[in-house]
Amino acid sequence: MRRSIFVIACVCLMMLAACAPAQPAAPQQPSAPAAVPEVRPLPPAALPVSDPPEVTVVEMDADTQSRLKTAFTSSANIAVSQNFYKMKVGESKVFGVAFRAVNAATDSYQMRFGLTRAYDKSTNIITRETSQVQRWIELNGITTQENAFPIESLDPRGEKIYPFLIDVKPTLTDGTPTPPGSYEFHFEVFNKGPRAAITNPYAEIKITVLVEP
């Protein structure tokens, strides 16, 4: 009898449990994000250190200095150590140019050069373009497209001396082989004009390079 009552009670409990409302499932806590490993950029590869471009240091020898000193008299505003050179293709020589300030106050001055003309032994014109022989004239590695050298500030009667290198290149700038002939250069000194621009030429001197076959 007792056993029957126990069995009936168990069945009733099971039926009550089946009829009870379902309990909501407990919300799941989001899992912590996986740790992302720190990405560090690789150090840049060491770049090779290139040597600075080689600069031709131009210096006048004792004879050139003596010639320039003799030509640069107290009455001269500009002078050159030598006006005429015989040279061959590939040959180089150093010459000197000196100029003197002419203004009564400190002023700015600049040396420029250009090609007047180049002609062969029959006086046929080879070129009149400075750009064709621009690379021939060098001042310690300094040249510009305007063939102008650094602006200098000079006191009254101040002096500036430039050692220039003449280097007769195997070709003109356009690639044409350098023809034999006479190449006439002019060197001018400029100072400030009325509007403070370096545009007022006041002294000029010429040299001729005879390029021999």
C-alpha atoms as a PDB file:
ATOM      1  CA  MET A   1       0.000   0.000   0.000  1.00  0.00           C
ATOM      2  CA  ARG A   2       2.704   2.469   0.986  1.00  0.00           C
ATOM      3  CA  ARG A   3       4.670   1.522  -2.109  1.00  0.00           C
ATOM      4  CA  SER A   4       1.709   2.326  -4.357  1.00  0.00           C
ATOM      5  CA  ILE A   5       1.224   5.715  -2.681  1.00  0.00           C
ATOM      6  CA  PHE A   6       4.984   6.515  -3.226  1.00  0.00           C
ATOM      7  CA  VAL A   7       4.810   5.556  -6.886  1.00  0.00           C
ATOM      8  CA  ILE A   8       1.683   7.705  -7.384  1.00  0.00           C
ATOM      9  CA  ALA A   9       3.405  10.685  -5.687  1.00  0.00           C
ATOM     10  CA  CYS A  10       6.437  10.381  -7.933  1.00  0.00           C
ATOM     11  CA  VAL A  11       4.245  10.287 -11.026  1.00  0.00           C
ATOM     12  CA  CYS A  12       2.394  13.402  -9.860  1.00  0.00           C
ATOM     13  CA  LEU A  13       5.647  15.280  -9.259  1.00  0.00           C
ATOM     14  CA  MET A  14       6.890  14.382 -12.729  1.00  0.00           C
ATOM     15  CA  MET A  15       3.628  15.632 -14.269  1.00  0.00           C
ATOM     16  CA  LEU A  16       3.851  18.902 -12.331  1.00  0.00           C
ATOM     17  CA  ALA A  17       7.437  19.394 -13.488  1.00  0.00           C
ATOM     18  CA  ALA A  18       6.424  18.870 -17.118  1.00  0.00           C
ATOM     19  CA  CYS A  19       3.674  21.468 -16.833  1.00  0.00           C
ATOM     20  CA  ALA A  20       5.842  24.131 -15.146  1.00  0.00           C
ATOM     21  CA  PRO A  21       6.916  27.066 -17.449  1.00  0.00           C
ATOM     22  CA  ALA A  22      10.362  26.730 -18.862  1.00  0.00           C
ATOM     23  CA  GLN A  23      12.942  28.919 -17.110  1.00  0.00           C
ATOM     24  CA  PRO A  24      14.833  31.284 -19.422  1.00  0.00           C
ATOM     25  CA  ALA A  25      18.369  30.266 -20.031  1.00  0.00           C
ATOM     26  CA  ALA A  26      20.918  32.374 -18.232  1.00  0.00           C
ATOM     27  CA  PRO A  27      22.604  34.809 -20.655  1.00  0.00           C
ATOM     28  CA  GLN A  28      26.095  33.873 -21.616  1.00  0.00           C
ATOM     29  CA  GLN A  29      28.791  36.367 -20.823  1.00  0.00           C
ATOM     30  CA  PRO A  30      30.739  37.305 -23.988  1.00  0.00           C
ATOM     31  CA  SER A  31      34.119  35.815 -23.963  1.00  0.00           C
ATOM     32  CA  ALA A  32      37.057  38.209 -23.731  1.00  0.00           C
ATOM     33  CA  PRO A  33      38.557  39.017 -27.133  1.00  0.00           C
ATOM     34  CA  ALA A  34      41.643  37.111 -27.951  1.00  0.00           C
ATOM     35  CA  ALA A  35      44.781  39.112 -27.343  1.00  0.00           C
ATOM     36  CA  VAL A  36      46.192  40.502 -30.603  1.00  0.00           C
ATOM     37  CA  PRO A  37      49.961  40.318 -30.671  1.00  0.00           C
ATOM     38  CA  GLU A  38      51.649  43.722 -31.083  1.00  0.00           C
ATOM     39  CA  VAL A  39      53.062  44.187 -34.560  1.00  0.00           C
ATOM     40  CA  ARG A  40      56.198  46.257 -34.582  1.00  0.00           C
ATOM     41  CA  PRO A  41      57.539  47.570 -37.912  1.00  0.00           C
ATOM     42  CA  LEU A  42      60.851  46.220 -38.935  1.00  0.00           C
ATOM     43  CA  PRO A  43      63.672  48.744 -38.707  1.00  0.00           C
ATOM     44  CA  PRO A  44      64.508  50.237 -42.119  1.00  0.00           C
ATOM     45  CA  ALA A  45      67.440  48.700 -43.844  1.00  0.00           C
ATOM     46  CA  ALA A  46      70.562  50.762 -43.505  1.00  0.00           C
ATOM     47  CA  LEU A  47      71.073  52.818 -46.657  1.00  0.00           C
ATOM     48  CA  PRO A  48      74.560  52.989 -48.079  1.00  0.00           C
ATOM     49  CA  VAL A  49      76.207  56.316 -47.415  1.00  0.00           C
ATOM     50  CA  SER A  50      77.224  57.812 -50.728  1.00  0.00           C
ATOM     51  CA  ASP A  51      80.289  59.956 -51.015  1.00  0.00           C
ATOM     52  CA  PRO A  52      79.687  63.657 -51.747  1.00  0.00           C
ATOM     53  CA  PRO A  53      80.258  64.653 -55.359  1.00  0.00           C
ATOM     54  CA  GLU A  54      83.879  65.342 -56.093  1.00  0.00           C
ATOM     55  CA  VAL A  55      84.657  69.019 -56.487  1.00  0.00           C
ATOM     56  CA  THR A  56      87.609  70.213 -58.506  1.00  0.00           C
ATOM     57  CA  VAL A  57      89.600  72.581 -56.327  1.00  0.00           C
ATOM     58  CA  VAL A  58      91.036  75.258 -58.576  1.00  0.00           C
ATOM     59  CA  GLU A  59      94.241  76.990 -57.504  1.00  0.00           C
ATOM     60  CA  MET A  60      96.530  79.352 -59.376  1.00  0.00           C
ATOM     61  CA  ASP A  61     100.212  78.514 -59.557  1.00  0.00           C
ATOM     62  CA  ALA A  62     102.888  81.100 -58.769  1.00  0.00           C
ATOM     63  CA  ASP A  63     103.331  82.140 -62.412  1.00  0.00           C
ATOM     64  CA  THR A  64      99.593  82.700 -62.914  1.00  0.00           C
ATOM     65  CA  GLN A  65      99.390  84.734 -59.697  1.00  0.00           C
ATOM     66  CA  SER A  66     102.337  86.869 -60.794  1.00  0.00           C
ATOM     67  CA  ARG A  67     100.774  87.531 -64.216  1.00  0.00           C
ATOM     68  CA  LEU A  68      97.457  88.523 -62.634  1.00  0.00           C
ATOM     69  CA  LYS A  69      99.151  90.827 -60.132  1.00  0.00           C
ATOM     70  CA  THR A  70     100.993  92.599 -62.941  1.00  0.00           C
ATOM     71  CA  ALA A  71      97.808  93.062 -65.007  1.00  0.00           C
ATOM     72  CA  PHE A  72      95.643  94.177 -62.067  1.00  0.00           C
ATOM     73  CA  THR A  73      96.963  97.727 -61.758  1.00  0.00           C
ATOM     74  CA  SER A  74      95.459 100.319 -59.442  1.00  0.00           C
ATOM     75  CA  SER A  75      93.602 101.883 -62.379  1.00  0.00           C
ATOM     76  CA  ALA A  76      92.091  98.611 -63.630  1.00  0.00           C
ATOM     77  CA  ASN A  77      88.588  97.568 -62.609  1.00  0.00           C
ATOM     78  CA  ILE A  78      89.087  94.061 -64.032  1.00  0.00           C
ATOM     79  CA  ALA A  79      92.091  92.017 -65.144  1.00  0.00           C
ATOM     80  CA  VAL A  80      92.954  88.504 -66.302  1.00  0.00           C
ATOM     81  CA  SER A  81      96.204  86.600 -65.896  1.00  0.00           C
ATOM     82  CA  GLN A  82      96.393  85.744 -69.607  1.00  0.00           C
ATOM     83  CA  ASN A  83      94.237  86.622 -72.601  1.00  0.00           C
ATOM     84  CA  PHE A  84      95.211  83.851 -75.019  1.00  0.00           C
ATOM     85  CA  TYR A  85      95.566  80.082 -74.587  1.00  0.00           C
ATOM     86  CA  LYS A  86      96.499  77.300 -76.978  1.00  0.00           C
ATOM     87  CA  MET A  87      94.897  74.048 -75.910  1.00  0.00           C
ATOM     88  CA  LYS A  88      93.901  70.634 -77.191  1.00  0.00           C
ATOM     89  CA  VAL A  89      90.721  68.695 -76.583  1.00  0.00           C
ATOM     90  CA  GLY A  90      90.831  67.137 -73.109  1.00  0.00           C
ATOM     91  CA  GLU A  91      93.399  69.645 -71.832  1.00  0.00           C
ATOM     92  CA  SER A  92      92.719  71.980 -68.888  1.00  0.00           C
ATOM     93  CA  LYS A  93      94.427  75.091 -67.537  1.00  0.00           C
ATOM     94  CA  VAL A  94      93.912  77.490 -64.648  1.00  0.00           C
ATOM     95  CA  PHE A  95      93.725  81.242 -65.142  1.00  0.00           C
ATOM     96  CA  GLY A  96      92.865  84.119 -62.819  1.00  0.00           C
ATOM     97  CA  VAL A  97      90.394  86.988 -63.016  1.00  0.00           C
ATOM     98  CA  ALA A  98      90.333  89.894 -60.550  1.00  0.00           C
ATOM     99  CA  PHE A  99      87.919  92.795 -60.244  1.00  0.00           C
ATOM    100  CA  ARG A 100      87.629  95.867 -58.068  1.00  0.00           C
ATOM    101  CA  ALA A 101      84.558  97.481 -56.474  1.00  0.00           C
ATOM    102  CA  VAL A 102      83.723 100.868 -57.928  1.00  0.00           C
ATOM    103  CA  ASN A 103      80.958 102.222 -55.697  1.00  0.00           C
ATOM    104  CA  ALA A 104      81.639 104.665 -52.881  1.00  0.00           C
ATOM    105  CA  ALA A 105      79.707 102.456 -50.437  1.00  0.00           C
ATOM    106  CA  THR A 106      79.619  98.732 -49.732  1.00  0.00           C
ATOM    107  CA  ASP A 107      77.770  97.042 -52.577  1.00  0.00           C
ATOM    108  CA  SER A 108      77.025  93.651 -54.140  1.00  0.00           C
ATOM    109  CA  TYR A 109      78.916  92.381 -57.178  1.00  0.00           C
ATOM    110  CA  GLN A 110      78.792  89.318 -59.410  1.00  0.00           C
ATOM    111  CA  MET A 111      81.054  87.806 -62.081  1.00  0.00           C
ATOM    112  CA  ARG A 112      79.479  86.252 -65.180  1.00  0.00           C
ATOM    113  CA  PHE A 113      80.904  84.818 -68.365  1.00  0.00           C
ATOM    114  CA  GLY A 114      79.687  84.144 -71.852  1.00  0.00           C
ATOM    115  CA  LEU A 115      80.817  82.991 -75.277  1.00  0.00           C
ATOM    116  CA  THR A 116      81.121  85.827 -77.772  1.00  0.00           C
ATOM    117  CA  ARG A 117      81.694  83.513 -80.728  1.00  0.00           C
ATOM    118  CA  ALA A 118      83.614  80.424 -81.875  1.00  0.00           C
ATOM    119  CA  TYR A 119      84.964  80.098 -85.408  1.00  0.00           C
ATOM    120  CA  ASP A 120      87.262  77.809 -87.398  1.00  0.00           C
ATOM    121  CA  LYS A 121      90.456  78.732 -89.272  1.00  0.00           C
ATOM    122  CA  SER A 122      88.361  79.870 -92.232  1.00  0.00           C
ATOM    123  CA  THR A 123      86.410  82.170 -89.855  1.00  0.00           C
ATOM    124  CA  ASN A 124      83.275  80.093 -90.319  1.00  0.00           C
ATOM    125  CA  ILE A 125      81.151  80.370 -87.185  1.00  0.00           C
ATOM    126  CA  ILE A 126      81.069  77.193 -85.099  1.00  0.00           C
ATOM    127  CA  THR A 127      78.645  78.550 -82.496  1.00  0.00           C
ATOM    128  CA  ARG A 128      77.644  81.680 -80.642  1.00  0.00           C
ATOM    129  CA  GLU A 129      75.771  79.815 -77.909  1.00  0.00           C
ATOM    130  CA  THR A 130      77.315  79.992 -74.423  1.00  0.00           C
ATOM    131  CA  SER A 131      75.370  76.887 -73.458  1.00  0.00           C
ATOM    132  CA  GLN A 132      77.451  74.843 -75.925  1.00  0.00           C
ATOM    133  CA  VAL A 133      80.659  75.483 -73.951  1.00  0.00           C
ATOM    134  CA  GLN A 134      79.236  76.262 -70.524  1.00  0.00           C
ATOM    135  CA  ARG A 135      80.935  73.205 -68.998  1.00  0.00           C
ATOM    136  CA  TRP A 136      84.359  74.469 -70.086  1.00  0.00           C
ATOM    137  CA  ILE A 137      84.581  77.131 -67.351  1.00  0.00           C
ATOM    138  CA  GLU A 138      84.566  76.062 -63.722  1.00  0.00           C
ATOM    139  CA  LEU A 139      85.118  77.690 -60.352  1.00  0.00           C
ATOM    140  CA  ASN A 140      85.601  74.986 -57.685  1.00  0.00           C
ATOM    141  CA  GLY A 141      82.659  73.034 -59.036  1.00  0.00           C
ATOM    142  CA  ILE A 142      80.343  76.070 -59.210  1.00  0.00           C
ATOM    143  CA  THR A 143      78.516  76.760 -62.467  1.00  0.00           C
ATOM    144  CA  THR A 144      74.950  77.793 -63.182  1.00  0.00           C
ATOM    145  CA  GLN A 145      72.704  77.924 -66.203  1.00  0.00           C
ATOM    146  CA  GLU A 146      73.069  81.706 -66.129  1.00  0.00           C
ATOM    147  CA  ASN A 147      76.883  81.355 -66.112  1.00  0.00           C
ATOM    148  CA  ALA A 148      76.870  83.488 -62.977  1.00  0.00           C
ATOM    149  CA  PHE A 149      79.031  82.982 -59.922  1.00  0.00           C
ATOM    150  CA  PRO A 150      78.297  83.803 -56.268  1.00  0.00           C
ATOM    151  CA  ILE A 151      77.288  87.353 -55.391  1.00  0.00           C
ATOM    152  CA  GLU A 152      79.987  89.103 -53.364  1.00  0.00           C
ATOM    153  CA  SER A 153      79.676  92.016 -50.958  1.00  0.00           C
ATOM    154  CA  LEU A 154      82.660  94.355 -51.325  1.00  0.00           C
ATOM    155  CA  ASP A 155      83.707  97.529 -49.546  1.00  0.00           C
ATOM    156  CA  PRO A 156      84.733 100.568 -51.614  1.00  0.00           C
ATOM    157  CA  ARG A 157      87.781  99.676 -53.699  1.00  0.00           C
ATOM    158  CA  GLY A 158      87.492  96.124 -52.386  1.00  0.00           C
ATOM    159  CA  GLU A 159      88.937  93.356 -54.565  1.00  0.00           C
ATOM    160  CA  LYS A 160      87.894  89.843 -55.523  1.00  0.00           C
ATOM    161  CA  ILE A 161      90.154  87.285 -57.207  1.00  0.00           C
ATOM    162  CA  TYR A 162      88.794  84.167 -58.916  1.00  0.00           C
ATOM    163  CA  PRO A 163      90.870  81.188 -60.074  1.00  0.00           C
ATOM    164  CA  PHE A 164      88.998  79.650 -62.997  1.00  0.00           C
ATOM    165  CA  LEU A 165      89.548  76.338 -64.745  1.00  0.00           C
ATOM    166  CA  ILE A 166      89.323  76.062 -68.531  1.00  0.00           C
ATOM    167  CA  ASP A 167      88.584  72.458 -69.449  1.00  0.00           C
ATOM    168  CA  VAL A 168      88.202  71.798 -73.182  1.00  0.00           C
ATOM    169  CA  LYS A 169      85.648  68.997 -73.251  1.00  0.00           C
ATOM    170  CA  PRO A 170      85.707  66.351 -76.004  1.00  0.00           C
ATOM    171  CA  THR A 171      82.169  67.354 -77.025  1.00  0.00           C
ATOM    172  CA  LEU A 172      79.991  70.418 -77.024  1.00  0.00           C
ATOM    173  CA  THR A 173      76.887  70.339 -74.854  1.00  0.00           C
ATOM    174  CA  ASP A 174      74.735  68.994 -77.706  1.00  0.00           C
ATOM    175  CA  GLY A 175      77.093  66.022 -78.123  1.00  0.00           C
ATOM    176  CA  THR A 176      78.895  67.294 -81.205  1.00  0.00           C
ATOM    177  CA  PRO A 177      82.650  66.574 -81.136  1.00  0.00           C
ATOM    178  CA  THR A 178      84.479  69.771 -80.214  1.00  0.00           C
ATOM    179  CA  PRO A 179      85.739  71.308 -83.476  1.00  0.00           C
ATOM    180  CA  PRO A 180      89.176  72.967 -83.633  1.00  0.00           C
ATOM    181  CA  GLY A 181      88.977  76.735 -83.750  1.00  0.00           C
ATOM    182  CA  SER A 182      89.060  79.954 -81.742  1.00  0.00           C
ATOM    183  CA  TYR A 183      86.639  80.294 -78.826  1.00  0.00           C
ATOM    184  CA  GLU A 184      86.236  83.863 -77.584  1.00  0.00           C
ATOM    185  CA  PHE A 185      84.917  84.324 -74.047  1.00  0.00           C
ATOM    186  CA  HIS A 186      83.983  87.510 -72.230  1.00  0.00           C
ATOM    187  CA  PHE A 187      83.913  88.003 -68.463  1.00  0.00           C
ATOM    188  CA  GLU A 188      81.775  90.775 -67.010  1.00  0.00           C
ATOM    189  CA  VAL A 189      81.309  92.227 -63.532  1.00  0.00           C
ATOM    190  CA  PHE A 190      77.819  93.341 -62.499  1.00  0.00           C
ATOM    191  CA  ASN A 191      76.700  95.384 -59.516  1.00  0.00           C
ATOM    192  CA  LYS A 192      73.402  96.770 -58.253  1.00  0.00           C
ATOM    193  CA  GLY A 193      71.362  98.765 -60.708  1.00  0.00           C
ATOM    194  CA  PRO A 194      68.830 101.507 -59.870  1.00  0.00           C
ATOM    195  CA  ARG A 195      66.331  98.910 -58.586  1.00  0.00           C
ATOM    196  CA  ALA A 196      68.851  97.019 -56.445  1.00  0.00           C
ATOM    197  CA  ALA A 197      69.076  94.127 -58.920  1.00  0.00           C
ATOM    198  CA  ILE A 198      72.442  92.743 -60.009  1.00  0.00           C
ATOM    199  CA  THR A 199      71.974  93.989 -63.570  1.00  0.00           C
ATOM    200  CA  ASN A 200      74.479  96.773 -64.121  1.00  0.00           C
ATOM    201  CA  PRO A 201      77.648  95.648 -65.967  1.00  0.00           C
ATOM    202  CA  TYR A 202      80.561  97.999 -65.428  1.00  0.00           C
ATOM    203  CA  ALA A 203      83.676  96.030 -66.442  1.00  0.00           C
ATOM    204  CA  GLU A 204      84.507  93.415 -69.089  1.00  0.00           C
ATOM    205  CA  ILE A 205      87.541  91.478 -70.214  1.00  0.00           C
ATOM    206  CA  LYS A 206      88.019  88.855 -72.940  1.00  0.00           C
ATOM    207  CA  ILE A 207      90.049  85.696 -73.396  1.00  0.00           C
ATOM    208  CA  THR A 208      90.508  83.497 -76.439  1.00  0.00           C
ATOM    209  CA  VAL A 209      91.037  79.725 -76.369  1.00  0.00           C
ATOM    210  CA  LEU A 210      92.552  78.326 -79.555  1.00  0.00           C
ATOM    211  CA  VAL A 211      91.582  74.647 -79.707  1.00  0.00           C
ATOM    212  CA  GLU A 212      94.208  72.926 -81.839  1.00  0.00           C
ATOM    213  CA  PRO A 213      93.556  69.753 -83.908  1.00  0.00           C
END
